[in-house]
Amino acid sequence: ELRGCLSSLLSQPDVGLFDVLISLDDPGRYDAMKAAAETTARAHGAQIAVWPVVQPVTPDPAKHNAELQKWFNFNTAKIAHHYWVAFERAFVENDYDSAIFVEEDLIFSPDFLALFRSSAWLLDEDPSLWCISAWNDFGYSQSVGDPCRLTRSSYFPGLGFMIRRSVWQQLRDQWPTAPTMGWDYWMRVAFRRADKECIVPEVSRSHHVSEKGASISSKKQLRLLGAMAFARIPSICGAGGPCGQFGDVSYLASERYEQWMRDAIDGAERTNAMQLGSGVLREDKMYVLPFLREEYSRMVDKVGLMPKGVKGAIPMDLRSEHYGVVAYRHAQSRAQILLVDRRSPRAYLGPSASLAAPSEGCISAASKQGQSCIDACTERGMRCDASQMYFFNDCKSLERHFGCEAGCAHQVGKELPVYVSDDFQPTYRQCLVTFISAMNCGAKHASTTRLCACVPR
């Protein structure tokens, strides 16, 4: 996999403009992998450097409880530590202004590097952008149409991405000791907390080729990854000078993109899941399908967003979204569909259809440790409303009630969002949100203090 990844990268026509650095974290295979990388580089006439990750996380009983010390031995912890080391070496030790991070189980389109060269200037001009990624989480062959189109996403995608040193300087101070759902989910939380986005191609420029790994454990996952579209467009950019592979990309600037999004939604015909399956859609039209997050996992098959037979292969969070909007092509009709969350903070559907704020009289309220939201609201002479809890499922809402001394991160569970108040847990003193789990009034956990949505009786 390392040979294939590196060969694909070194075959880029403009790779000579970049330093290629390889970070290895397996001491037992370090020499063999270093030799494989150097042999591949020589075959391409390229120069590389290899960085060993020589300092694994060492548990400190004075700072880390027993559960956290166990967590450091999990793959999730080792991968998170490796990314930390890679970010630190690139931006702190070597002072690079920007860096592209890839993993060894990826291969790349011929214009992979041209993507970053074409759009990197936007990271300097637009403070609402923090990254460029080569990967579209919903870039299935059945769902995409334009291989030259780029979009904005408030969901950090990873799998071949570029960030600036200035971004890491902000993130490193927030990085939690235990991102228990993985470094990438923590990045998604951090991006949303800061209200930042990534540039993403409609058709991915990176492709996952591994059949096994820390996050690949089923044939269904392989079917899903195999269904992803992969661009094979040659790069028109040479080894010097400006790169215009994707044309004028100024439409991605925040104000222009936001105006386009609003105009598109306002001008599109409304539809529903039943109509999407009836064959009445036209290929030359755009349609808007309003939805609520609690409906999403039940509707992805019906609306043709994901290929059949792969549901459950990945967590069911809303990916590739722009503040609750997902754009894709309907598999059967090829019509353009905009899935629009009625709770989008941007209120795209207007005052009659949007649910952009809690209902009148709704308050956020902290429970006692181990208490359900039903009981917490009852104690206040109110009742819990699970549909209103989505408005408080974010770091800033939690921080208004709790210390969140160990940061804010992602997790799954019926009792979320919560503050972890049990010093036995590896996430002790973290605030936890969820992009996956449905809101639930009755759930409780002995280790956590819930944030509830209480409404008048």
Foldseek 3Di string as FASTA:
>chain_A
DQLQALLLLLPQQQSVVDAAEAEDEDVVCVVVSVVSNVVSQVVSVHDHYYHYPPDQDDDDVVPFFPQLNVLSPDPQNRVLVSVVVVLCCCCPVVNDFKDKDADSQKHFANCLVLQCLQCVVLVVVAVQAFKAALDFPLQFPLWFDDQLDKAKFLQQDDRIMMGGSVVCVVVVVQDFSPQPVHPRQQVSQVSVVVNHIYIYGSAGGMAGHDCDDPLHDDVLLVVQSVRHGHDHDHAPDHNDDGGQRSHDPPCHHDVNVVVVLLVLQVPAAEDELVVLPPPPDAQPGEYEYEDALVCQLVRCVSNQSGDPPNRPSDFPFDGRDDQQWDWIARSPRRHIYIYHYLCRCVNSVDDVRHPPAADPQKDKDKAPAQAFQQVRQVVVQWGFDQSRCVRCQGDVNVVVPAVQVSHEGEDDDAQDQWAFCASNHSCHSHGYGYRHYGHDRHDGDNGTMGITITGHD
